[in-house]
Amino acid sequence: MQTADLVQQLMALPLPDRVTVAQALWQSIDEGLAPDVADDPKETIQTALRRDAELTSGAASGRTHEEVMDAVRRALACFFTTEYLTF
């Protein structure tokens, strides 16, 4: 089965089923992360709080959703068309 066909079928699922699939996929991605990234929730929370403070103070600037998605597409050299990756 082609990935595009699978995505089309998954998008046709009711929202609760799409959420279940998304959670399972995200879990599989999370499990593939380096242990130092995924296994220390205290450090993760500290990093999130630090980044929030940087954004709030103006010391750092954020990116729009579209900018992030464009960067992800480039990084993954994704063969999907944007119609499948727009949210």
C-alpha atoms as a PDB file:
ATOM      1  CA  MET A   1       0.000   0.000   0.000  1.00  0.00           C
ATOM      2  CA  GLN A   2       1.275   3.447  -0.895  1.00  0.00           C
ATOM      3  CA  THR A   3       1.783   5.864   1.983  1.00  0.00           C
ATOM      4  CA  ALA A   4      -0.455   8.460   0.354  1.00  0.00           C
ATOM      5  CA  ASP A   5      -3.277   5.891   0.162  1.00  0.00           C
ATOM      6  CA  LEU A   6      -2.789   4.993   3.807  1.00  0.00           C
ATOM      7  CA  VAL A   7      -2.849   8.649   4.846  1.00  0.00           C
ATOM      8  CA  GLN A   8      -6.050   9.169   2.880  1.00  0.00           C
ATOM      9  CA  GLN A   9      -7.701   6.190   4.608  1.00  0.00           C
ATOM     10  CA  LEU A  10      -6.527   7.308   8.029  1.00  0.00           C
ATOM     11  CA  MET A  11      -7.833  10.830   7.471  1.00  0.00           C
ATOM     12  CA  ALA A  12     -11.261   9.325   6.735  1.00  0.00           C
ATOM     13  CA  LEU A  13     -11.413   7.774  10.220  1.00  0.00           C
ATOM     14  CA  PRO A  14     -13.563   9.387  12.897  1.00  0.00           C
ATOM     15  CA  LEU A  15     -11.664  11.848  15.086  1.00  0.00           C
ATOM     16  CA  PRO A  16     -11.340   9.537  18.125  1.00  0.00           C
ATOM     17  CA  ASP A  17      -9.769   6.847  15.929  1.00  0.00           C
ATOM     18  CA  ARG A  18      -7.381   9.366  14.325  1.00  0.00           C
ATOM     19  CA  VAL A  19      -6.316  10.490  17.801  1.00  0.00           C
ATOM     20  CA  THR A  20      -5.633   6.866  18.781  1.00  0.00           C
ATOM     21  CA  VAL A  21      -3.519   6.327  15.661  1.00  0.00           C
ATOM     22  CA  ALA A  22      -1.685   9.622  16.186  1.00  0.00           C
ATOM     23  CA  GLN A  23      -0.900   8.721  19.793  1.00  0.00           C
ATOM     24  CA  ALA A  24       0.425   5.305  18.776  1.00  0.00           C
ATOM     25  CA  LEU A  25       2.600   6.826  16.059  1.00  0.00           C
ATOM     26  CA  TRP A  26       3.904   9.519  18.395  1.00  0.00           C
ATOM     27  CA  GLN A  27       4.741   6.886  21.009  1.00  0.00           C
ATOM     28  CA  SER A  28       6.713   4.953  18.411  1.00  0.00           C
ATOM     29  CA  ILE A  29       8.632   8.112  17.511  1.00  0.00           C
ATOM     30  CA  ASP A  30       9.236   8.930  21.179  1.00  0.00           C
ATOM     31  CA  GLU A  31      10.628   5.438  21.772  1.00  0.00           C
ATOM     32  CA  GLY A  32      13.135   6.039  18.978  1.00  0.00           C
ATOM     33  CA  LEU A  33      14.635   9.085  20.689  1.00  0.00           C
ATOM     34  CA  ALA A  34      17.954   8.948  22.451  1.00  0.00           C
ATOM     35  CA  PRO A  35      17.520   7.925  26.105  1.00  0.00           C
ATOM     36  CA  ASP A  36      18.869  11.226  27.407  1.00  0.00           C
ATOM     37  CA  VAL A  37      16.124  13.068  25.517  1.00  0.00           C
ATOM     38  CA  ALA A  38      13.142  10.873  26.360  1.00  0.00           C
ATOM     39  CA  ASP A  39      13.941   9.492  29.823  1.00  0.00           C
ATOM     40  CA  ASP A  40      14.374  12.568  32.024  1.00  0.00           C
ATOM     41  CA  PRO A  41      11.000  14.258  32.515  1.00  0.00           C
ATOM     42  CA  LYS A  42      12.398  16.683  35.118  1.00  0.00           C
ATOM     43  CA  GLU A  43      14.985  17.977  32.661  1.00  0.00           C
ATOM     44  CA  THR A  44      12.364  18.148  29.927  1.00  0.00           C
ATOM     45  CA  ILE A  45      10.107  20.283  32.127  1.00  0.00           C
ATOM     46  CA  GLN A  46      13.014  22.537  33.121  1.00  0.00           C
ATOM     47  CA  THR A  47      13.905  23.015  29.469  1.00  0.00           C
ATOM     48  CA  ALA A  48      10.290  23.842  28.595  1.00  0.00           C
ATOM     49  CA  LEU A  49      10.079  26.383  31.429  1.00  0.00           C
ATOM     50  CA  ARG A  50      13.378  27.978  30.388  1.00  0.00           C
ATOM     51  CA  ARG A  51      12.255  28.234  26.774  1.00  0.00           C
ATOM     52  CA  ASP A  52       8.902  29.677  27.816  1.00  0.00           C
ATOM     53  CA  ALA A  53      10.706  32.352  29.848  1.00  0.00           C
ATOM     54  CA  GLU A  54      12.950  33.146  26.864  1.00  0.00           C
ATOM     55  CA  LEU A  55       9.920  33.553  24.597  1.00  0.00           C
ATOM     56  CA  THR A  56       8.020  35.620  27.158  1.00  0.00           C
ATOM     57  CA  SER A  57      10.960  37.955  27.774  1.00  0.00           C
ATOM     58  CA  GLY A  58      11.676  38.393  24.086  1.00  0.00           C
ATOM     59  CA  ALA A  59      15.168  36.887  24.426  1.00  0.00           C
ATOM     60  CA  ALA A  60      14.098  34.305  21.852  1.00  0.00           C
ATOM     61  CA  SER A  61      11.548  34.381  19.080  1.00  0.00           C
ATOM     62  CA  GLY A  62       9.294  31.559  18.057  1.00  0.00           C
ATOM     63  CA  ARG A  63       8.308  30.202  14.682  1.00  0.00           C
ATOM     64  CA  THR A  64       4.879  29.836  13.189  1.00  0.00           C
ATOM     65  CA  HIS A  65       3.330  26.419  12.723  1.00  0.00           C
ATOM     66  CA  GLU A  66       3.880  26.713   8.990  1.00  0.00           C
ATOM     67  CA  GLU A  67       7.575  27.550   9.481  1.00  0.00           C
ATOM     68  CA  VAL A  68       8.003  24.511  11.721  1.00  0.00           C
ATOM     69  CA  MET A  69       6.186  22.223   9.300  1.00  0.00           C
ATOM     70  CA  ASP A  70       8.289  23.520   6.391  1.00  0.00           C
ATOM     71  CA  ALA A  71      11.448  22.796   8.374  1.00  0.00           C
ATOM     72  CA  VAL A  72      10.209  19.284   9.195  1.00  0.00           C
ATOM     73  CA  ARG A  73       9.408  18.591   5.552  1.00  0.00           C
ATOM     74  CA  ARG A  74      12.871  19.741   4.494  1.00  0.00           C
ATOM     75  CA  ALA A  75      14.612  17.811   7.287  1.00  0.00           C
ATOM     76  CA  LEU A  76      12.819  14.593   6.446  1.00  0.00           C
ATOM     77  CA  ALA A  77      12.999  15.156   2.702  1.00  0.00           C
ATOM     78  CA  CYS A  78       9.403  14.070   2.826  1.00  0.00           C
ATOM     79  CA  PHE A  79       7.815  12.819  -0.367  1.00  0.00           C
ATOM     80  CA  PHE A  80       4.333  13.759   0.802  1.00  0.00           C
ATOM     81  CA  THR A  81       2.727  16.681  -0.869  1.00  0.00           C
ATOM     82  CA  THR A  82       1.716  19.497   1.415  1.00  0.00           C
ATOM     83  CA  GLU A  83      -1.921  18.470   1.088  1.00  0.00           C
ATOM     84  CA  TYR A  84      -1.183  15.520   3.384  1.00  0.00           C
ATOM     85  CA  LEU A  85       0.831  17.487   5.919  1.00  0.00           C
ATOM     86  CA  THR A  86      -1.312  20.553   6.472  1.00  0.00           C
ATOM     87  CA  PHE A  87      -3.212  20.640   9.707  1.00  0.00           C
END
